[in-house]
Amino acid sequence: MAYTVYTLTKGIEMKKEVKKIVEHWKLKGNESFQGMPVCPELVYRLGGGWRGWNDFLGVKPGSDDYLKNEKRDRLEDRAFYAYIDSE
């Protein structure tokens, strides 16, 4: 029972995060600042060239941020499909 509650809670949290990302992309996705997209993860996904935050930022495997970025990429992958479905 505890595992089920934990799993459901995590699922609800993930859906909220995905919704936040999609809303942010809808508001800021087409903006740029000093020639750089405000949401490069969206712009380059739409263009088919996004390879992830680690590639974009030049983060090497084994560094402190690598796994954090991988987790963020998986979350944003879900958000991207939700974004595409909402358009």
PDB file of N, CA and C in Angstrom:
ATOM      1  N   MET A   1       0.824  -1.197   0.000  1.00  0.00           N
ATOM      2  CA  MET A   1       0.000   0.000   0.000  1.00  0.00           C
ATOM      3  C   MET A   1       0.867   1.261   0.000  1.00  0.00           C
ATOM      4  N   ALA A   2       1.905   1.295   0.831  1.00  0.00           N
ATOM      5  CA  ALA A   2       2.765   2.478   0.916  1.00  0.00           C
ATOM      6  C   ALA A   2       3.445   2.743  -0.422  1.00  0.00           C
ATOM      7  N   TYR A   3       3.873   1.675  -1.095  1.00  0.00           N
ATOM      8  CA  TYR A   3       4.521   1.838  -2.398  1.00  0.00           C
ATOM      9  C   TYR A   3       3.544   2.435  -3.417  1.00  0.00           C
ATOM     10  N   THR A   4       2.296   1.979  -3.384  1.00  0.00           N
ATOM     11  CA  THR A   4       1.278   2.486  -4.299  1.00  0.00           C
ATOM     12  C   THR A   4       1.036   3.973  -4.074  1.00  0.00           C
ATOM     13  N   VAL A   5       0.937   4.390  -2.823  1.00  0.00           N
ATOM     14  CA  VAL A   5       0.734   5.800  -2.503  1.00  0.00           C
ATOM     15  C   VAL A   5       1.932   6.613  -2.973  1.00  0.00           C
ATOM     16  N   TYR A   6       3.143   6.101  -2.721  1.00  0.00           N
ATOM     17  CA  TYR A   6       4.363   6.779  -3.155  1.00  0.00           C
ATOM     18  C   TYR A   6       4.376   6.929  -4.673  1.00  0.00           C
ATOM     19  N   THR A   7       4.043   5.848  -5.383  1.00  0.00           N
ATOM     20  CA  THR A   7       4.033   5.857  -6.836  1.00  0.00           C
ATOM     21  C   THR A   7       3.002   6.845  -7.370  1.00  0.00           C
ATOM     22  N   LEU A   8       1.813   6.845  -6.794  1.00  0.00           N
ATOM     23  CA  LEU A   8       0.772   7.781  -7.213  1.00  0.00           C
ATOM     24  C   LEU A   8       1.196   9.219  -6.961  1.00  0.00           C
ATOM     25  N   THR A   9       1.800   9.472  -5.809  1.00  0.00           N
ATOM     26  CA  THR A   9       2.264  10.816  -5.472  1.00  0.00           C
ATOM     27  C   THR A   9       3.322  11.269  -6.465  1.00  0.00           C
ATOM     28  N   LYS A  10       4.266  10.399  -6.781  1.00  0.00           N
ATOM     29  CA  LYS A  10       5.312  10.736  -7.753  1.00  0.00           C
ATOM     30  C   LYS A  10       4.701  11.021  -9.122  1.00  0.00           C
ATOM     31  N   GLY A  11       3.698  10.234  -9.509  1.00  0.00           N
ATOM     32  CA  GLY A  11       3.034  10.442 -10.795  1.00  0.00           C
ATOM     33  C   GLY A  11       2.325  11.783 -10.856  1.00  0.00           C
ATOM     34  N   ILE A  12       1.667  12.163  -9.782  1.00  0.00           N
ATOM     35  CA  ILE A  12       0.974  13.446  -9.718  1.00  0.00           C
ATOM     36  C   ILE A  12       1.978  14.586  -9.767  1.00  0.00           C
ATOM     37  N   GLU A  13       3.083  14.452  -9.037  1.00  0.00           N
ATOM     38  CA  GLU A  13       4.133  15.483  -9.053  1.00  0.00           C
ATOM     39  C   GLU A  13       4.707  15.640 -10.450  1.00  0.00           C
ATOM     40  N   MET A  14       4.928  14.511 -11.135  1.00  0.00           N
ATOM     41  CA  MET A  14       5.493  14.567 -12.478  1.00  0.00           C
ATOM     42  C   MET A  14       4.512  15.266 -13.425  1.00  0.00           C
ATOM     43  N   LYS A  15       3.222  14.954 -13.328  1.00  0.00           N
ATOM     44  CA  LYS A  15       2.233  15.604 -14.190  1.00  0.00           C
ATOM     45  C   LYS A  15       2.202  17.101 -13.951  1.00  0.00           C
ATOM     46  N   LYS A  16       2.344  17.518 -12.696  1.00  0.00           N
ATOM     47  CA  LYS A  16       2.376  18.947 -12.386  1.00  0.00           C
ATOM     48  C   LYS A  16       3.607  19.603 -12.997  1.00  0.00           C
ATOM     49  N   GLU A  17       4.742  18.949 -12.909  1.00  0.00           N
ATOM     50  CA  GLU A  17       5.980  19.485 -13.491  1.00  0.00           C
ATOM     51  C   GLU A  17       5.870  19.584 -15.012  1.00  0.00           C
ATOM     52  N   VAL A  18       5.328  18.541 -15.616  1.00  0.00           N
ATOM     53  CA  VAL A  18       5.139  18.550 -17.074  1.00  0.00           C
ATOM     54  C   VAL A  18       4.234  19.710 -17.462  1.00  0.00           C
ATOM     55  N   LYS A  19       3.156  19.900 -16.732  1.00  0.00           N
ATOM     56  CA  LYS A  19       2.223  20.994 -17.022  1.00  0.00           C
ATOM     57  C   LYS A  19       2.916  22.349 -16.891  1.00  0.00           C
ATOM     58  N   LYS A  20       3.749  22.507 -15.853  1.00  0.00           N
ATOM     59  CA  LYS A  20       4.490  23.757 -15.665  1.00  0.00           C
ATOM     60  C   LYS A  20       5.430  24.036 -16.838  1.00  0.00           C
ATOM     61  N   ILE A  21       6.107  23.003 -17.295  1.00  0.00           N
ATOM     62  CA  ILE A  21       7.041  23.153 -18.415  1.00  0.00           C
ATOM     63  C   ILE A  21       6.279  23.555 -19.675  1.00  0.00           C
ATOM     64  N   VAL A  22       5.173  22.871 -19.952  1.00  0.00           N
ATOM     65  CA  VAL A  22       4.379  23.176 -21.140  1.00  0.00           C
ATOM     66  C   VAL A  22       3.870  24.616 -21.085  1.00  0.00           C
ATOM     67  N   GLU A  23       3.379  25.033 -19.929  1.00  0.00           N
ATOM     68  CA  GLU A  23       2.893  26.411 -19.784  1.00  0.00           C
ATOM     69  C   GLU A  23       4.023  27.420 -20.010  1.00  0.00           C
ATOM     70  N   HIS A  24       5.199  27.125 -19.475  1.00  0.00           N
ATOM     71  CA  HIS A  24       6.356  28.000 -19.680  1.00  0.00           C
ATOM     72  C   HIS A  24       6.707  28.086 -21.163  1.00  0.00           C
ATOM     73  N   TRP A  25       6.725  26.950 -21.839  1.00  0.00           N
ATOM     74  CA  TRP A  25       7.040  26.939 -23.260  1.00  0.00           C
ATOM     75  C   TRP A  25       6.023  27.736 -24.059  1.00  0.00           C
ATOM     76  N   LYS A  26       4.745  27.631 -23.692  1.00  0.00           N
ATOM     77  CA  LYS A  26       3.714  28.375 -24.420  1.00  0.00           C
ATOM     78  C   LYS A  26       3.888  29.880 -24.227  1.00  0.00           C
ATOM     79  N   LEU A  27       4.352  30.285 -23.052  1.00  0.00           N
ATOM     80  CA  LEU A  27       4.559  31.708 -22.780  1.00  0.00           C
ATOM     81  C   LEU A  27       5.866  32.242 -23.358  1.00  0.00           C
ATOM     82  N   LYS A  28       6.937  31.484 -23.232  1.00  0.00           N
ATOM     83  CA  LYS A  28       8.279  31.979 -23.564  1.00  0.00           C
ATOM     84  C   LYS A  28       8.976  31.242 -24.702  1.00  0.00           C
ATOM     85  N   GLY A  29       8.355  30.202 -25.224  1.00  0.00           N
ATOM     86  CA  GLY A  29       9.013  29.314 -26.183  1.00  0.00           C
ATOM     87  C   GLY A  29       9.547  29.966 -27.438  1.00  0.00           C
ATOM     88  N   ASN A  30       8.932  31.052 -27.871  1.00  0.00           N
ATOM     89  CA  ASN A  30       9.378  31.715 -29.104  1.00  0.00           C
ATOM     90  C   ASN A  30      10.247  32.935 -28.847  1.00  0.00           C
ATOM     91  N   GLU A  31      10.525  33.210 -27.590  1.00  0.00           N
ATOM     92  CA  GLU A  31      11.340  34.378 -27.252  1.00  0.00           C
ATOM     93  C   GLU A  31      12.832  34.060 -27.333  1.00  0.00           C
ATOM     94  N   SER A  32      13.591  35.110 -27.538  1.00  0.00           N
ATOM     95  CA  SER A  32      15.049  34.958 -27.493  1.00  0.00           C
ATOM     96  C   SER A  32      15.630  36.141 -26.734  1.00  0.00           C
ATOM     97  N   PHE A  33      16.835  35.948 -26.254  1.00  0.00           N
ATOM     98  CA  PHE A  33      17.557  36.980 -25.520  1.00  0.00           C
ATOM     99  C   PHE A  33      18.969  37.024 -26.060  1.00  0.00           C
ATOM    100  N   GLN A  34      19.351  38.131 -26.584  1.00  0.00           N
ATOM    101  CA  GLN A  34      20.677  38.326 -27.178  1.00  0.00           C
ATOM    102  C   GLN A  34      21.004  37.226 -28.194  1.00  0.00           C
ATOM    103  N   GLY A  35      20.002  36.905 -29.019  1.00  0.00           N
ATOM    104  CA  GLY A  35      20.194  35.933 -30.082  1.00  0.00           C
ATOM    105  C   GLY A  35      20.105  34.480 -29.661  1.00  0.00           C
ATOM    106  N   MET A  36      19.883  34.226 -28.390  1.00  0.00           N
ATOM    107  CA  MET A  36      19.802  32.857 -27.876  1.00  0.00           C
ATOM    108  C   MET A  36      18.359  32.556 -27.480  1.00  0.00           C
ATOM    109  N   PRO A  37      17.804  31.410 -27.901  1.00  0.00           N
ATOM    110  CA  PRO A  37      16.440  31.083 -27.497  1.00  0.00           C
ATOM    111  C   PRO A  37      16.321  31.006 -25.969  1.00  0.00           C
ATOM    112  N   VAL A  38      15.225  31.540 -25.439  1.00  0.00           N
ATOM    113  CA  VAL A  38      14.970  31.463 -24.004  1.00  0.00           C
ATOM    114  C   VAL A  38      14.732  30.000 -23.607  1.00  0.00           C
ATOM    115  N   CYS A  39      14.130  29.233 -24.504  1.00  0.00           N
ATOM    116  CA  CYS A  39      13.837  27.818 -24.263  1.00  0.00           C
ATOM    117  C   CYS A  39      14.512  26.965 -25.346  1.00  0.00           C
ATOM    118  N   PRO A  40      15.836  26.841 -25.291  1.00  0.00           N
ATOM    119  CA  PRO A  40      16.515  26.089 -26.348  1.00  0.00           C
ATOM    120  C   PRO A  40      16.056  24.641 -26.416  1.00  0.00           C
ATOM    121  N   GLU A  41      15.678  24.087 -25.263  1.00  0.00           N
ATOM    122  CA  GLU A  41      15.222  22.695 -25.237  1.00  0.00           C
ATOM    123  C   GLU A  41      13.960  22.507 -26.071  1.00  0.00           C
ATOM    124  N   LEU A  42      13.117  23.527 -26.174  1.00  0.00           N
ATOM    125  CA  LEU A  42      11.923  23.452 -27.020  1.00  0.00           C
ATOM    126  C   LEU A  42      12.273  23.756 -28.477  1.00  0.00           C
ATOM    127  N   VAL A  43      12.970  24.846 -28.698  1.00  0.00           N
ATOM    128  CA  VAL A  43      13.296  25.274 -30.061  1.00  0.00           C
ATOM    129  C   VAL A  43      14.038  24.172 -30.822  1.00  0.00           C
ATOM    130  N   TYR A  44      15.046  23.583 -30.197  1.00  0.00           N
ATOM    131  CA  TYR A  44      15.837  22.569 -30.890  1.00  0.00           C
ATOM    132  C   TYR A  44      15.122  21.226 -30.958  1.00  0.00           C
ATOM    133  N   ARG A  45      14.223  20.945 -30.016  1.00  0.00           N
ATOM    134  CA  ARG A  45      13.389  19.742 -30.153  1.00  0.00           C
ATOM    135  C   ARG A  45      12.469  19.895 -31.356  1.00  0.00           C
ATOM    136  N   LEU A  46      11.845  21.059 -31.492  1.00  0.00           N
ATOM    137  CA  LEU A  46      10.961  21.292 -32.633  1.00  0.00           C
ATOM    138  C   LEU A  46      11.712  21.159 -33.949  1.00  0.00           C
ATOM    139  N   GLY A  47      12.964  21.566 -33.969  1.00  0.00           N
ATOM    140  CA  GLY A  47      13.782  21.464 -35.173  1.00  0.00           C
ATOM    141  C   GLY A  47      14.429  20.103 -35.363  1.00  0.00           C
ATOM    142  N   GLY A  48      14.282  19.223 -34.381  1.00  0.00           N
ATOM    143  CA  GLY A  48      14.838  17.877 -34.479  1.00  0.00           C
ATOM    144  C   GLY A  48      16.299  17.762 -34.096  1.00  0.00           C
ATOM    145  N   GLY A  49      16.882  18.822 -33.542  1.00  0.00           N
ATOM    146  CA  GLY A  49      18.308  18.791 -33.241  1.00  0.00           C
ATOM    147  C   GLY A  49      18.671  18.728 -31.768  1.00  0.00           C
ATOM    148  N   TRP A  50      17.688  18.590 -30.887  1.00  0.00           N
ATOM    149  CA  TRP A  50      17.990  18.577 -29.452  1.00  0.00           C
ATOM    150  C   TRP A  50      18.574  17.245 -29.047  1.00  0.00           C
ATOM    151  N   ARG A  51      19.738  17.275 -28.409  1.00  0.00           N
ATOM    152  CA  ARG A  51      20.396  16.048 -27.956  1.00  0.00           C
ATOM    153  C   ARG A  51      20.501  15.987 -26.442  1.00  0.00           C
ATOM    154  N   GLY A  52      19.927  16.963 -25.766  1.00  0.00           N
ATOM    155  CA  GLY A  52      19.909  16.948 -24.303  1.00  0.00           C
ATOM    156  C   GLY A  52      20.757  18.051 -23.700  1.00  0.00           C
ATOM    157  N   TRP A  53      20.460  18.321 -22.413  1.00  0.00           N
ATOM    158  CA  TRP A  53      21.172  19.390 -21.709  1.00  0.00           C
ATOM    159  C   TRP A  53      22.662  19.095 -21.581  1.00  0.00           C
ATOM    160  N   ASN A  54      23.013  17.843 -21.384  1.00  0.00           N
ATOM    161  CA  ASN A  54      24.436  17.530 -21.239  1.00  0.00           C
ATOM    162  C   ASN A  54      25.206  17.875 -22.503  1.00  0.00           C
ATOM    163  N   ASP A  55      24.632  17.556 -23.649  1.00  0.00           N
ATOM    164  CA  ASP A  55      25.274  17.903 -24.914  1.00  0.00           C
ATOM    165  C   ASP A  55      25.286  19.415 -25.107  1.00  0.00           C
ATOM    166  N   PHE A  56      24.159  20.065 -24.855  1.00  0.00           N
ATOM    167  CA  PHE A  56      24.031  21.502 -25.050  1.00  0.00           C
ATOM    168  C   PHE A  56      25.017  22.281 -24.182  1.00  0.00           C
ATOM    169  N   LEU A  57      25.173  21.830 -22.936  1.00  0.00           N
ATOM    170  CA  LEU A  57      26.040  22.532 -21.984  1.00  0.00           C
ATOM    171  C   LEU A  57      27.465  21.987 -21.944  1.00  0.00           C
ATOM    172  N   GLY A  58      27.699  20.891 -22.651  1.00  0.00           N
ATOM    173  CA  GLY A  58      29.035  20.295 -22.659  1.00  0.00           C
ATOM    174  C   GLY A  58      29.394  19.596 -21.353  1.00  0.00           C
ATOM    175  N   VAL A  59      28.392  19.029 -20.679  1.00  0.00           N
ATOM    176  CA  VAL A  59      28.616  18.348 -19.409  1.00  0.00           C
ATOM    177  C   VAL A  59      29.105  16.929 -19.680  1.00  0.00           C
ATOM    178  N   LYS A  60      30.167  16.546 -19.026  1.00  0.00           N
ATOM    179  CA  LYS A  60      30.780  15.232 -19.227  1.00  0.00           C
ATOM    180  C   LYS A  60      30.138  14.180 -18.317  1.00  0.00           C
ATOM    181  N   PRO A  61      30.020  12.935 -18.820  1.00  0.00           N
ATOM    182  CA  PRO A  61      29.517  11.856 -17.967  1.00  0.00           C
ATOM    183  C   PRO A  61      30.364  11.744 -16.696  1.00  0.00           C
ATOM    184  N   GLY A  62      29.694  11.471 -15.608  1.00  0.00           N
ATOM    185  CA  GLY A  62      30.394  11.334 -14.338  1.00  0.00           C
ATOM    186  C   GLY A  62      30.464  12.621 -13.536  1.00  0.00           C
ATOM    187  N   SER A  63      30.120  13.741 -14.155  1.00  0.00           N
ATOM    188  CA  SER A  63      30.140  14.999 -13.407  1.00  0.00           C
ATOM    189  C   SER A  63      28.906  15.091 -12.518  1.00  0.00           C
ATOM    190  N   ASP A  64      28.925  16.016 -11.584  1.00  0.00           N
ATOM    191  CA  ASP A  64      27.830  16.168 -10.636  1.00  0.00           C
ATOM    192  C   ASP A  64      26.496  16.467 -11.305  1.00  0.00           C
ATOM    193  N   ASP A  65      26.513  17.216 -12.381  1.00  0.00           N
ATOM    194  CA  ASP A  65      25.275  17.638 -13.026  1.00  0.00           C
ATOM    195  C   ASP A  65      24.747  16.662 -14.071  1.00  0.00           C
ATOM    196  N   TYR A  66      25.545  15.686 -14.459  1.00  0.00           N
ATOM    197  CA  TYR A  66      25.163  14.814 -15.571  1.00  0.00           C
ATOM    198  C   TYR A  66      23.834  14.098 -15.327  1.00  0.00           C
ATOM    199  N   LEU A  67      23.693  13.417 -14.194  1.00  0.00           N
ATOM    200  CA  LEU A  67      22.468  12.678 -13.898  1.00  0.00           C
ATOM    201  C   LEU A  67      21.280  13.617 -13.707  1.00  0.00           C
ATOM    202  N   LYS A  68      21.517  14.773 -13.098  1.00  0.00           N
ATOM    203  CA  LYS A  68      20.461  15.765 -12.919  1.00  0.00           C
ATOM    204  C   LYS A  68      19.927  16.211 -14.279  1.00  0.00           C
ATOM    205  N   ASN A  69      20.831  16.442 -15.211  1.00  0.00           N
ATOM    206  CA  ASN A  69      20.429  16.848 -16.560  1.00  0.00           C
ATOM    207  C   ASN A  69      19.689  15.731 -17.295  1.00  0.00           C
ATOM    208  N   GLU A  70      20.128  14.499 -17.107  1.00  0.00           N
ATOM    209  CA  GLU A  70      19.449  13.354 -17.726  1.00  0.00           C
ATOM    210  C   GLU A  70      18.008  13.258 -17.223  1.00  0.00           C
ATOM    211  N   LYS A  71      17.834  13.446 -15.931  1.00  0.00           N
ATOM    212  CA  LYS A  71      16.495  13.401 -15.337  1.00  0.00           C
ATOM    213  C   LYS A  71      15.634  14.526 -15.908  1.00  0.00           C
ATOM    214  N   ARG A  72      16.196  15.715 -16.025  1.00  0.00           N
ATOM    215  CA  ARG A  72      15.464  16.852 -16.583  1.00  0.00           C
ATOM    216  C   ARG A  72      15.082  16.585 -18.038  1.00  0.00           C
ATOM    217  N   ASP A  73      15.989  15.983 -18.803  1.00  0.00           N
ATOM    218  CA  ASP A  73      15.693  15.660 -20.200  1.00  0.00           C
ATOM    219  C   ASP A  73      14.510  14.697 -20.311  1.00  0.00           C
ATOM    220  N   ARG A  74      14.458  13.689 -19.446  1.00  0.00           N
ATOM    221  CA  ARG A  74      13.336  12.735 -19.478  1.00  0.00           C
ATOM    222  C   ARG A  74      12.015  13.439 -19.162  1.00  0.00           C
ATOM    223  N   LEU A  75      12.044  14.333 -18.191  1.00  0.00           N
ATOM    224  CA  LEU A  75      10.850  15.096 -17.845  1.00  0.00           C
ATOM    225  C   LEU A  75      10.425  15.989 -19.016  1.00  0.00           C
ATOM    226  N   GLU A  76      11.384  16.650 -19.627  1.00  0.00           N
ATOM    227  CA  GLU A  76      11.082  17.522 -20.758  1.00  0.00           C
ATOM    228  C   GLU A  76      10.657  16.737 -21.997  1.00  0.00           C
ATOM    229  N   ASP A  77      11.106  15.492 -22.128  1.00  0.00           N
ATOM    230  CA  ASP A  77      10.618  14.651 -23.222  1.00  0.00           C
ATOM    231  C   ASP A  77       9.110  14.452 -23.083  1.00  0.00           C
ATOM    232  N   ARG A  78       8.664  14.161 -21.869  1.00  0.00           N
ATOM    233  CA  ARG A  78       7.225  14.007 -21.619  1.00  0.00           C
ATOM    234  C   ARG A  78       6.496  15.316 -21.896  1.00  0.00           C
ATOM    235  N   ALA A  79       7.075  16.408 -21.451  1.00  0.00           N
ATOM    236  CA  ALA A  79       6.464  17.714 -21.662  1.00  0.00           C
ATOM    237  C   ALA A  79       6.368  18.036 -23.150  1.00  0.00           C
ATOM    238  N   PHE A  80       7.384  17.645 -23.902  1.00  0.00           N
ATOM    239  CA  PHE A  80       7.376  17.932 -25.327  1.00  0.00           C
ATOM    240  C   PHE A  80       6.203  17.239 -26.019  1.00  0.00           C
ATOM    241  N   TYR A  81       5.961  15.985 -25.684  1.00  0.00           N
ATOM    242  CA  TYR A  81       4.826  15.276 -26.281  1.00  0.00           C
ATOM    243  C   TYR A  81       3.511  15.928 -25.873  1.00  0.00           C
ATOM    244  N   ALA A  82       3.411  16.364 -24.630  1.00  0.00           N
ATOM    245  CA  ALA A  82       2.206  17.073 -24.176  1.00  0.00           C
ATOM    246  C   ALA A  82       2.058  18.402 -24.913  1.00  0.00           C
ATOM    247  N   TYR A  83       3.160  19.079 -25.133  1.00  0.00           N
ATOM    248  CA  TYR A  83       3.143  20.355 -25.856  1.00  0.00           C
ATOM    249  C   TYR A  83       2.660  20.143 -27.291  1.00  0.00           C
ATOM    250  N   ILE A  84       3.198  19.162 -27.957  1.00  0.00           N
ATOM    251  CA  ILE A  84       2.828  18.861 -29.339  1.00  0.00           C
ATOM    252  C   ILE A  84       1.340  18.493 -29.410  1.00  0.00           C
ATOM    253  N   ASP A  85       0.870  17.694 -28.467  1.00  0.00           N
ATOM    254  CA  ASP A  85      -0.539  17.281 -28.445  1.00  0.00           C
ATOM    255  C   ASP A  85      -1.469  18.463 -28.196  1.00  0.00           C
ATOM    256  N   SER A  86      -0.970  19.496 -27.514  1.00  0.00           N
ATOM    257  CA  SER A  86      -1.825  20.642 -27.167  1.00  0.00           C
ATOM    258  C   SER A  86      -1.884  21.680 -28.273  1.00  0.00           C
ATOM    259  N   GLU A  87      -1.036  21.564 -29.256  1.00  0.00           N
ATOM    260  CA  GLU A  87      -1.005  22.555 -30.352  1.00  0.00           C
ATOM    261  C   GLU A  87      -2.035  22.225 -31.404  1.00  0.00           C
TER     262      GLU A  87
END
